Amino acid sequence: MHGYSGDKQAYLTRLRRIEGQIRGLQRMVDEEAYCIDILTQVSAATRALQAVALGLLEDHIGHCVADAVKSGGPEADEKIREASAAIARLVRS
């Protein structure tokens, strides 16, 4: 079971909303909207995706990493490395 399983529907709802934002961006470009207006919407979509990513990361640490640490051994080290790498990717983006 994944750490986000309890919030799966909320994540799907948020991702569908973001999908709608992206379709709106496509429409704005197609209709040649003002550049700043498009950039504002890109920023909003980016923040929404970052919020999903942070929620997933929090769920992963709270469930997958915490369970592995309780069990100990090499799996715990691997889960911590995975989480650290995910954090690094989010910071770079």
C-alpha atoms as a PDB file:
ATOM      1  CA  MET A   1       0.000   0.000   0.000  1.00  0.00           C
ATOM      2  CA  HIS A   2       1.318   3.443  -0.935  1.00  0.00           C
ATOM      3  CA  GLY A   3       1.478   6.340   1.507  1.00  0.00           C
ATOM      4  CA  TYR A   4      -0.945   8.401  -0.575  1.00  0.00           C
ATOM      5  CA  SER A   5      -3.612   5.674  -0.775  1.00  0.00           C
ATOM      6  CA  GLY A   6      -5.780   7.292   1.878  1.00  0.00           C
ATOM      7  CA  ASP A   7      -5.766  10.576  -0.064  1.00  0.00           C
ATOM      8  CA  LYS A   8      -5.967   9.072  -3.542  1.00  0.00           C
ATOM      9  CA  GLN A   9      -9.263  10.721  -4.459  1.00  0.00           C
ATOM     10  CA  ALA A  10      -8.075  14.127  -3.265  1.00  0.00           C
ATOM     11  CA  TYR A  11      -4.912  13.781  -5.348  1.00  0.00           C
ATOM     12  CA  LEU A  12      -6.901  12.735  -8.407  1.00  0.00           C
ATOM     13  CA  THR A  13      -9.241  15.693  -7.958  1.00  0.00           C
ATOM     14  CA  ARG A  14      -6.305  18.094  -7.685  1.00  0.00           C
ATOM     15  CA  LEU A  15      -4.586  16.581 -10.726  1.00  0.00           C
ATOM     16  CA  ARG A  16      -7.783  16.834 -12.790  1.00  0.00           C
ATOM     17  CA  ARG A  17      -8.049  20.491 -11.793  1.00  0.00           C
ATOM     18  CA  ILE A  18      -4.441  21.022 -12.896  1.00  0.00           C
ATOM     19  CA  GLU A  19      -5.201  19.208 -16.146  1.00  0.00           C
ATOM     20  CA  GLY A  20      -7.983  21.735 -16.708  1.00  0.00           C
ATOM     21  CA  GLN A  21      -5.544  24.567 -16.022  1.00  0.00           C
ATOM     22  CA  ILE A  22      -3.174  23.161 -18.649  1.00  0.00           C
ATOM     23  CA  ARG A  23      -5.991  22.907 -21.194  1.00  0.00           C
ATOM     24  CA  GLY A  24      -6.816  26.523 -20.376  1.00  0.00           C
ATOM     25  CA  LEU A  25      -3.201  27.467 -21.059  1.00  0.00           C
ATOM     26  CA  GLN A  26      -3.351  25.738 -24.435  1.00  0.00           C
ATOM     27  CA  ARG A  27      -6.517  27.652 -25.239  1.00  0.00           C
ATOM     28  CA  MET A  28      -4.896  30.935 -24.172  1.00  0.00           C
ATOM     29  CA  VAL A  29      -1.944  30.335 -26.497  1.00  0.00           C
ATOM     30  CA  ASP A  30      -4.255  29.270 -29.317  1.00  0.00           C
ATOM     31  CA  GLU A  31      -6.290  32.446 -28.855  1.00  0.00           C
ATOM     32  CA  GLU A  32      -3.089  34.528 -28.612  1.00  0.00           C
ATOM     33  CA  ALA A  33      -3.735  35.839 -25.117  1.00  0.00           C
ATOM     34  CA  TYR A  34      -1.453  38.444 -23.572  1.00  0.00           C
ATOM     35  CA  CYS A  35       1.941  36.959 -22.612  1.00  0.00           C
ATOM     36  CA  ILE A  36       1.802  38.074 -18.980  1.00  0.00           C
ATOM     37  CA  ASP A  37      -1.637  36.521 -18.541  1.00  0.00           C
ATOM     38  CA  ILE A  38      -0.315  33.201 -19.861  1.00  0.00           C
ATOM     39  CA  LEU A  39       2.751  33.408 -17.623  1.00  0.00           C
ATOM     40  CA  THR A  40       0.519  34.078 -14.622  1.00  0.00           C
ATOM     41  CA  GLN A  41      -1.450  30.933 -15.362  1.00  0.00           C
ATOM     42  CA  VAL A  42       1.754  28.913 -15.925  1.00  0.00           C
ATOM     43  CA  SER A  43       2.903  30.048 -12.501  1.00  0.00           C
ATOM     44  CA  ALA A  44      -0.399  28.990 -10.927  1.00  0.00           C
ATOM     45  CA  ALA A  45      -0.236  25.553 -12.566  1.00  0.00           C
ATOM     46  CA  THR A  46       3.374  25.150 -11.469  1.00  0.00           C
ATOM     47  CA  ARG A  47       2.477  25.987  -7.858  1.00  0.00           C
ATOM     48  CA  ALA A  48      -0.415  23.539  -7.982  1.00  0.00           C
ATOM     49  CA  LEU A  49       1.882  20.747  -9.210  1.00  0.00           C
ATOM     50  CA  GLN A  50       4.429  21.622  -6.549  1.00  0.00           C
ATOM     51  CA  ALA A  51       1.714  21.354  -3.893  1.00  0.00           C
ATOM     52  CA  VAL A  52       0.822  17.869  -5.159  1.00  0.00           C
ATOM     53  CA  ALA A  53       4.496  16.889  -5.156  1.00  0.00           C
ATOM     54  CA  LEU A  54       4.998  18.130  -1.601  1.00  0.00           C
ATOM     55  CA  GLY A  55       1.908  16.270  -0.425  1.00  0.00           C
ATOM     56  CA  LEU A  56       3.109  13.054  -2.046  1.00  0.00           C
ATOM     57  CA  LEU A  57       6.544  13.525  -0.525  1.00  0.00           C
ATOM     58  CA  GLU A  58       5.037  14.080   2.907  1.00  0.00           C
ATOM     59  CA  ASP A  59       2.912  10.949   2.519  1.00  0.00           C
ATOM     60  CA  HIS A  60       5.938   8.970   1.332  1.00  0.00           C
ATOM     61  CA  ILE A  61       8.062  10.035   4.281  1.00  0.00           C
ATOM     62  CA  GLY A  62       5.240   9.532   6.767  1.00  0.00           C
ATOM     63  CA  HIS A  63       4.375   6.069   5.503  1.00  0.00           C
ATOM     64  CA  CYS A  64       6.989   4.347   3.346  1.00  0.00           C
ATOM     65  CA  VAL A  65      10.113   5.848   4.885  1.00  0.00           C
ATOM     66  CA  ALA A  66       8.811   5.683   8.458  1.00  0.00           C
ATOM     67  CA  ASP A  67       7.826   2.001   8.066  1.00  0.00           C
ATOM     68  CA  ALA A  68      11.209   1.151   6.567  1.00  0.00           C
ATOM     69  CA  VAL A  69      13.049   2.967   9.361  1.00  0.00           C
ATOM     70  CA  LYS A  70      11.036   1.048  11.969  1.00  0.00           C
ATOM     71  CA  SER A  71      12.055  -2.200  10.285  1.00  0.00           C
ATOM     72  CA  GLY A  72      15.657  -1.086   9.913  1.00  0.00           C
ATOM     73  CA  GLY A  73      18.258  -2.645   7.664  1.00  0.00           C
ATOM     74  CA  PRO A  74      19.252  -1.784   4.104  1.00  0.00           C
ATOM     75  CA  GLU A  75      15.671  -1.048   3.057  1.00  0.00           C
ATOM     76  CA  ALA A  76      15.585   1.870   5.510  1.00  0.00           C
ATOM     77  CA  ASP A  77      18.763   3.313   4.019  1.00  0.00           C
ATOM     78  CA  GLU A  78      17.352   2.915   0.503  1.00  0.00           C
ATOM     79  CA  LYS A  79      14.070   4.657   1.387  1.00  0.00           C
ATOM     80  CA  ILE A  80      15.972   7.547   2.959  1.00  0.00           C
ATOM     81  CA  ARG A  81      18.155   7.843  -0.167  1.00  0.00           C
ATOM     82  CA  GLU A  82      15.027   7.815  -2.354  1.00  0.00           C
ATOM     83  CA  ALA A  83      13.389  10.553  -0.284  1.00  0.00           C
ATOM     84  CA  SER A  84      16.573  12.650  -0.334  1.00  0.00           C
ATOM     85  CA  ALA A  85      16.816  12.310  -4.114  1.00  0.00           C
ATOM     86  CA  ALA A  86      13.140  13.281  -4.499  1.00  0.00           C
ATOM     87  CA  ILE A  87      13.678  16.347  -2.318  1.00  0.00           C
ATOM     88  CA  ALA A  88      16.714  17.303  -4.403  1.00  0.00           C
ATOM     89  CA  ARG A  89      14.675  17.015  -7.615  1.00  0.00           C
ATOM     90  CA  LEU A  90      11.926  19.202  -6.163  1.00  0.00           C
ATOM     91  CA  VAL A  91      14.393  21.827  -5.005  1.00  0.00           C
ATOM     92  CA  ARG A  92      15.991  21.978  -8.470  1.00  0.00           C
ATOM     93  CA  SER A  93      12.658  22.350 -10.257  1.00  0.00           C
END
